[in-house]
Amino acid sequence: MIKKQLIAIVKDAIKMAASDIHFTQGQKEDVLIQLRAGNMMLPRSHIDRLTYEKMLAYIRFNASMDLAHPMQPQSGGLVIQEGDDVLSCRVSILPTAKFQSLVLRIINIKMGKSLEEIPLFQSNVPLLKTMAEIEAGLILIGGPTSSGKTTTAYAMIDYLKHDLGKSVITIEDPIEYQQPDIVQMQVNESAGMNYEVGIKEILRHDPDIIVVGEIRDQTTAQNAIRAALTGHLVISTIHSKDNLGTIHRMMDLGTSIGDLSQALVGLVNQRLIPVDEDKLALFEICFGESLENLVEQLIEGQVFSLSYTTIDEEFLKWEATKK
């Protein structure tokens, strides 16, 4: 019964092209379910508190969360099988004084794309491929929430794997896109498998490419830098508003501009825009001489000019195509 209700909620969200499902405390003794579609939060329905508690227990168990400490913030991955359908979600549970808030991020496994299918402007495709062909260093793919960062990262992985014949190992929290032909490691803090331990073990496993799911904290940032300096290509995602913001974000996480100048080989920032019934990406791409120029200006203490196409310029180009 609980599984069927959860499946119905997730399927409704997919039909409405929602990216997230929010479960929040209602006005009475019930729980409000809202769907995030773009910048809008759309109310779906209410469920009673007992049903919600059972749903939380089901999600915790099936997402392999820590059942012994339910009042701690937790995240994980949930996969629900219904016949031939596979529904996949990223789970975040945030306890408050009187309520445990739940957010499910929908992961549409069938929506994986190639590098050719993602950009609005096809001139970005060879730039992304050239960046992926760099032998060693750190590539950071930035953007706000729901900007398609993970989809781009996996499109790059697909290109590296199938076109260039590279060995790819990922460490993620949680694993978002299940890939049968690469090695994917799941972070499990309670079992001692964190990013630091995972990356150390990955380096012993003969990878060409290391993928770090997302840089969220100082430890992950430092370990991504270290891995990039070992002669491997490291790809990761990060929340930032533009490429310059990505560098400042890494510095806020304790990475020096000196280490970044040694490790960074490429920066990508993106936004999704509606095109017909699809969403395509606008890109800000910086590598090679453009990246060297940017880092030199940061070392000197002030950025005077950017020698690459910015997100704002991509937006202007898009606006021009609509006239």
Protein backbone atom coordinates (compact mmCIF):
# COMPACT_ATOMS: atom_id res chain seq x y z
CA MET A 1 0.00 0.00 0.00
CA ILE A 2 2.74 2.50 0.99
CA LYS A 3 4.83 1.53 -2.04
CA LYS A 4 1.85 2.07 -4.38
CA GLN A 5 1.15 5.49 -2.88
CA LEU A 6 4.77 6.51 -3.23
CA ILE A 7 4.91 5.29 -6.85
CA ALA A 8 1.76 7.28 -7.65
CA ILE A 9 3.30 10.46 -6.17
CA VAL A 10 6.55 10.03 -8.11
CA LYS A 11 4.73 9.26 -11.37
CA ASP A 12 2.54 12.35 -10.96
CA ALA A 13 5.68 14.43 -10.48
CA ILE A 14 7.24 12.99 -13.64
CA LYS A 15 4.08 13.74 -15.65
CA MET A 16 4.20 17.35 -14.45
CA ALA A 17 7.92 17.62 -15.36
CA ALA A 18 8.74 18.29 -11.69
CA SER A 19 12.32 18.00 -10.51
CA ASP A 20 11.62 17.56 -6.78
CA ILE A 21 8.88 16.36 -4.43
CA HIS A 22 8.65 18.17 -1.07
CA PHE A 23 6.90 16.72 2.00
CA THR A 24 6.34 19.48 4.57
CA GLN A 25 4.26 19.97 7.71
CA GLY A 26 0.68 20.97 6.88
CA GLN A 27 -1.67 23.35 8.67
CA LYS A 28 -3.27 20.54 10.67
CA GLU A 29 -2.07 17.07 11.62
CA ASP A 30 -1.26 16.21 8.04
CA VAL A 31 1.60 16.49 5.55
CA LEU A 32 1.60 18.71 2.47
CA ILE A 33 3.07 17.32 -0.75
CA GLN A 34 4.41 19.92 -3.18
CA LEU A 35 6.08 19.52 -6.58
CA ARG A 36 8.86 21.78 -7.83
CA ALA A 37 8.43 22.58 -11.52
CA GLY A 38 11.01 25.14 -12.58
CA ASN A 39 10.81 28.02 -10.08
CA MET A 40 7.27 27.13 -8.98
CA MET A 41 6.18 25.03 -5.99
CA LEU A 42 2.89 23.37 -6.94
CA PRO A 43 0.66 21.79 -4.28
CA ARG A 44 -0.26 18.19 -5.09
CA SER A 45 -2.12 16.75 -2.11
CA HIS A 46 -2.11 16.03 1.63
CA ILE A 47 -1.51 12.74 3.42
CA ASP A 48 -2.12 11.95 7.07
CA ARG A 49 0.80 11.86 9.51
CA LEU A 50 0.63 8.09 10.12
CA THR A 51 0.85 7.34 6.39
CA TYR A 52 3.78 9.75 6.11
CA GLU A 53 5.65 8.07 8.98
CA LYS A 54 5.19 4.69 7.26
CA MET A 55 6.41 6.19 3.97
CA LEU A 56 9.48 7.64 5.69
CA ALA A 57 10.28 4.25 7.22
CA TYR A 58 9.89 2.56 3.81
CA ILE A 59 12.16 5.14 2.14
CA ARG A 60 14.79 4.95 4.89
CA PHE A 61 14.98 1.17 4.66
CA ASN A 62 15.07 1.00 0.85
CA ALA A 63 17.53 3.89 0.55
CA SER A 64 19.91 2.07 2.93
CA MET A 65 19.87 4.92 5.44
CA ASP A 66 20.95 4.73 9.06
CA LEU A 67 17.88 3.42 10.89
CA ALA A 68 19.50 3.72 14.32
CA HIS A 69 19.72 7.53 14.18
CA PRO A 70 16.47 8.79 12.62
CA MET A 71 16.85 12.31 14.06
CA GLN A 72 20.05 13.04 12.13
CA PRO A 73 20.00 14.67 8.65
CA GLN A 74 20.47 11.94 6.06
CA SER A 75 20.68 11.54 2.30
CA GLY A 76 20.69 8.55 0.00
CA GLY A 77 19.41 7.02 -3.20
CA LEU A 78 16.06 5.28 -3.68
CA VAL A 79 15.19 2.93 -6.54
CA ILE A 80 11.66 1.55 -6.87
CA GLN A 81 10.87 -1.24 -9.34
CA GLU A 82 7.34 -1.56 -10.72
CA GLY A 83 7.12 -4.07 -13.52
CA ASP A 84 9.40 -2.79 -16.30
CA ASP A 85 9.47 0.71 -14.81
CA VAL A 86 12.36 1.83 -12.63
CA LEU A 87 11.82 5.00 -10.58
CA SER A 88 14.94 6.55 -9.11
CA CYS A 89 15.18 9.41 -6.59
CA ARG A 90 17.79 11.16 -4.53
CA VAL A 91 16.55 11.36 -0.93
CA SER A 92 17.15 14.09 1.65
CA ILE A 93 15.64 13.95 5.14
CA LEU A 94 16.03 16.97 7.42
CA PRO A 95 14.69 16.61 10.99
CA THR A 96 13.25 19.67 12.73
CA ALA A 97 11.91 20.08 16.28
CA LYS A 98 8.52 18.54 15.48
CA PHE A 99 8.79 17.17 11.96
CA GLN A 100 11.05 15.27 9.59
CA SER A 101 11.06 17.07 6.26
CA LEU A 102 11.56 14.92 3.15
CA VAL A 103 12.63 15.93 -0.36
CA LEU A 104 12.87 13.50 -3.27
CA ARG A 105 14.90 14.62 -6.29
CA ILE A 106 13.64 12.72 -9.35
CA ILE A 107 16.34 11.08 -11.44
CA ASN A 108 15.08 10.13 -14.87
CA ILE A 109 17.43 7.32 -15.85
CA LYS A 110 15.97 7.23 -19.37
CA MET A 111 16.90 10.89 -19.91
CA GLY A 112 20.63 10.34 -20.23
CA LYS A 113 21.96 12.33 -23.17
CA SER A 114 25.02 12.52 -25.38
CA LEU A 115 27.17 15.64 -25.52
CA GLU A 116 25.59 16.46 -28.90
CA GLU A 117 22.08 16.47 -27.42
CA ILE A 118 22.68 18.84 -24.49
CA PRO A 119 23.72 22.31 -25.76
CA LEU A 120 21.47 24.83 -27.47
CA PHE A 121 24.44 25.99 -29.53
CA GLN A 122 26.26 23.12 -31.23
CA SER A 123 29.49 25.15 -31.27
CA ASN A 124 29.85 24.09 -27.61
CA VAL A 125 30.06 20.37 -28.46
CA PRO A 126 33.69 20.33 -29.76
CA LEU A 127 34.73 22.49 -26.80
CA LEU A 128 33.26 19.98 -24.32
CA LYS A 129 34.87 17.06 -26.18
CA THR A 130 38.27 18.75 -26.34
CA MET A 131 38.08 19.41 -22.61
CA ALA A 132 37.19 15.76 -21.94
CA GLU A 133 40.25 14.66 -23.92
CA ILE A 134 42.66 16.39 -21.52
CA GLU A 135 44.84 13.70 -19.97
CA ALA A 136 45.01 14.88 -16.34
CA GLY A 137 43.68 17.57 -14.05
CA LEU A 138 40.37 18.74 -12.59
CA ILE A 139 37.26 19.64 -14.59
CA LEU A 140 34.51 21.34 -12.58
CA ILE A 141 30.96 21.52 -13.93
CA GLY A 142 29.05 24.29 -12.14
CA GLY A 143 25.60 25.79 -12.07
CA PRO A 144 22.61 26.21 -9.78
CA THR A 145 20.29 23.41 -8.64
CA SER A 146 18.50 21.64 -11.53
CA SER A 147 20.76 23.13 -14.20
CA GLY A 148 21.72 19.73 -15.66
CA LYS A 149 25.22 19.45 -14.20
CA THR A 150 25.02 15.71 -13.55
CA THR A 151 23.55 15.03 -17.00
CA THR A 152 26.48 16.86 -18.59
CA ALA A 153 28.98 15.01 -16.38
CA TYR A 154 27.54 11.65 -17.42
CA ALA A 155 27.45 12.66 -21.09
CA MET A 156 31.15 13.44 -20.75
CA ILE A 157 31.69 10.07 -19.06
CA ASP A 158 29.84 8.34 -21.92
CA TYR A 159 32.09 10.05 -24.47
CA LEU A 160 35.24 9.11 -22.52
CA LYS A 161 34.07 5.53 -22.11
CA HIS A 162 32.73 4.68 -25.55
CA ASP A 163 34.60 7.01 -27.90
CA LEU A 164 37.97 7.19 -26.17
CA GLY A 165 38.01 3.78 -24.45
CA LYS A 166 38.80 5.13 -20.98
CA SER A 167 38.42 3.35 -17.64
CA VAL A 168 36.02 5.32 -15.42
CA ILE A 169 35.42 4.99 -11.68
CA THR A 170 32.95 7.20 -9.80
CA ILE A 171 32.41 7.94 -6.13
CA GLU A 172 28.99 9.45 -5.45
CA ASP A 173 26.57 10.29 -2.65
CA PRO A 174 24.19 8.96 -3.83
CA ILE A 175 24.73 7.23 -7.20
CA GLU A 176 22.33 9.05 -9.53
CA TYR A 177 22.69 7.31 -12.91
CA GLN A 178 23.28 3.57 -12.66
CA GLN A 179 25.85 2.59 -15.32
CA PRO A 180 26.52 -1.14 -15.88
CA ASP A 181 29.87 -0.70 -17.65
CA ILE A 182 31.72 1.53 -15.19
CA VAL A 183 32.69 1.10 -11.52
CA GLN A 184 30.49 3.19 -9.22
CA MET A 185 31.19 3.56 -5.50
CA GLN A 186 28.56 4.72 -3.01
CA VAL A 187 29.66 6.92 -0.10
CA ASN A 188 28.67 5.29 3.19
CA GLU A 189 29.91 7.30 6.15
CA SER A 190 28.59 4.84 8.75
CA ALA A 191 30.63 2.04 7.13
CA GLY A 192 33.75 4.20 6.91
CA MET A 193 33.47 4.77 3.16
CA ASN A 194 33.83 8.54 2.79
CA TYR A 195 35.29 10.52 -0.12
CA GLU A 196 38.80 10.50 1.33
CA VAL A 197 38.90 6.71 1.75
CA GLY A 198 37.06 6.11 -1.52
CA ILE A 199 39.39 8.24 -3.65
CA LYS A 200 42.44 6.62 -2.03
CA GLU A 201 41.10 3.16 -2.95
CA ILE A 202 40.11 4.29 -6.47
CA LEU A 203 43.71 5.36 -7.17
CA ARG A 204 44.79 1.74 -6.56
CA HIS A 205 42.22 0.45 -9.07
CA ASP A 206 43.92 1.68 -12.27
CA PRO A 207 41.41 4.31 -13.42
CA ASP A 208 41.88 6.74 -16.30
CA ILE A 209 39.02 8.95 -15.13
CA ILE A 210 37.80 9.63 -11.58
CA VAL A 211 34.36 11.15 -11.11
CA VAL A 212 33.54 12.80 -7.77
CA GLY A 213 29.76 13.15 -7.59
CA GLU A 214 29.61 16.65 -6.10
CA ILE A 215 31.97 18.95 -4.21
CA ARG A 216 30.03 20.11 -1.15
CA ASP A 217 32.63 20.53 1.57
CA GLN A 218 36.29 21.17 2.30
CA THR A 219 37.27 17.50 2.56
CA THR A 220 35.78 16.61 -0.83
CA ALA A 221 37.37 19.67 -2.45
CA GLN A 222 40.82 18.82 -1.08
CA ASN A 223 40.59 15.17 -2.14
CA ALA A 224 39.42 16.07 -5.64
CA ILE A 225 42.44 18.38 -5.98
CA ARG A 226 44.81 15.67 -4.69
CA ALA A 227 43.42 13.10 -7.12
CA ALA A 228 43.79 15.54 -10.01
CA LEU A 229 47.45 16.08 -9.11
CA THR A 230 48.20 12.33 -9.32
CA GLY A 231 48.03 12.35 -13.13
CA HIS A 232 44.36 11.39 -13.52
CA LEU A 233 41.49 13.33 -15.06
CA VAL A 234 38.98 14.16 -12.33
CA ILE A 235 35.46 15.39 -13.13
CA SER A 236 33.12 16.80 -10.51
CA THR A 237 30.10 19.09 -10.11
CA ILE A 238 29.72 22.12 -7.87
CA HIS A 239 27.05 24.72 -7.11
CA SER A 240 28.08 28.11 -8.50
CA LYS A 241 26.62 30.96 -10.56
CA ASP A 242 29.47 31.14 -13.10
CA ASN A 243 33.05 29.96 -13.68
CA LEU A 244 34.53 32.75 -11.61
CA GLY A 245 32.09 31.79 -8.86
CA THR A 246 33.32 28.19 -9.08
CA ILE A 247 36.87 29.26 -8.30
CA HIS A 248 35.71 31.46 -5.42
CA ARG A 249 33.58 28.58 -4.11
CA MET A 250 36.63 26.27 -4.13
CA MET A 251 38.65 28.91 -2.32
CA ASP A 252 35.86 29.29 0.25
CA LEU A 253 36.23 25.54 0.82
CA GLY A 254 39.88 25.99 1.73
CA THR A 255 41.58 25.41 -1.63
CA SER A 256 44.40 27.85 -2.39
CA ILE A 257 44.63 29.63 -5.74
CA GLY A 258 48.06 28.00 -6.06
CA ASP A 259 46.60 24.50 -5.83
CA LEU A 260 43.82 25.45 -8.25
CA SER A 261 46.34 26.79 -10.75
CA GLN A 262 48.13 23.43 -10.62
CA ALA A 263 45.06 21.18 -10.76
CA LEU A 264 42.33 22.98 -12.75
CA VAL A 265 42.20 22.22 -16.48
CA GLY A 266 38.60 23.13 -17.29
CA LEU A 267 35.55 25.01 -16.03
CA VAL A 268 31.98 24.61 -17.25
CA ASN A 269 28.90 26.47 -16.05
CA GLN A 270 25.43 25.96 -17.42
CA ARG A 271 21.73 26.84 -17.38
CA LEU A 272 18.77 24.96 -18.81
CA ILE A 273 16.30 26.80 -21.03
CA PRO A 274 12.99 25.59 -22.51
CA VAL A 275 13.13 24.82 -26.22
CA ASP A 276 9.90 23.41 -27.70
CA GLU A 277 9.08 20.47 -25.38
CA ASP A 278 12.67 19.91 -24.29
CA LYS A 279 15.28 21.72 -22.21
CA LEU A 280 18.68 22.58 -23.66
CA ALA A 281 21.74 24.06 -22.00
CA LEU A 282 23.54 27.35 -22.33
CA PHE A 283 27.22 26.99 -21.49
CA GLU A 284 30.08 29.06 -20.12
CA ILE A 285 33.23 27.08 -21.00
CA CYS A 286 36.74 28.02 -19.93
CA PHE A 287 39.96 26.04 -20.49
CA GLY A 288 43.36 26.36 -22.11
CA GLU A 289 44.62 29.91 -22.51
CA SER A 290 41.33 31.37 -21.24
CA LEU A 291 41.71 29.49 -17.95
CA GLU A 292 45.38 30.42 -17.62
CA ASN A 293 44.45 34.07 -18.17
CA LEU A 294 41.68 33.91 -15.56
CA VAL A 295 43.89 32.26 -12.93
CA GLU A 296 46.72 34.76 -13.55
CA GLN A 297 44.33 37.67 -12.94
CA LEU A 298 43.07 36.03 -9.73
CA ILE A 299 46.63 35.56 -8.49
CA GLU A 300 47.25 39.26 -9.18
CA GLY A 301 44.14 40.08 -7.14
CA GLN A 302 41.66 41.45 -9.67
CA VAL A 303 39.83 40.18 -12.77
CA PHE A 304 39.67 42.80 -15.54
CA SER A 305 38.44 40.72 -18.48
CA LEU A 306 37.16 37.28 -19.42
CA SER A 307 38.43 35.73 -22.65
CA TYR A 308 35.60 33.21 -23.04
CA THR A 309 31.86 33.36 -23.76
CA THR A 310 29.96 33.98 -20.54
CA ILE A 311 26.52 32.73 -19.53
CA ASP A 312 25.13 36.25 -19.96
CA GLU A 313 26.48 36.38 -23.52
CA GLU A 314 24.94 32.97 -24.24
CA PHE A 315 21.58 34.30 -22.99
CA LEU A 316 21.87 37.28 -25.34
CA LYS A 317 22.62 34.96 -28.26
CA TRP A 318 19.57 32.89 -27.34
CA GLU A 319 17.37 35.99 -27.15
CA ALA A 320 18.63 37.02 -30.60
CA THR A 321 17.58 33.69 -32.10
CA LYS A 322 13.98 34.23 -30.93
CA LYS A 323 13.53 37.54 -32.76
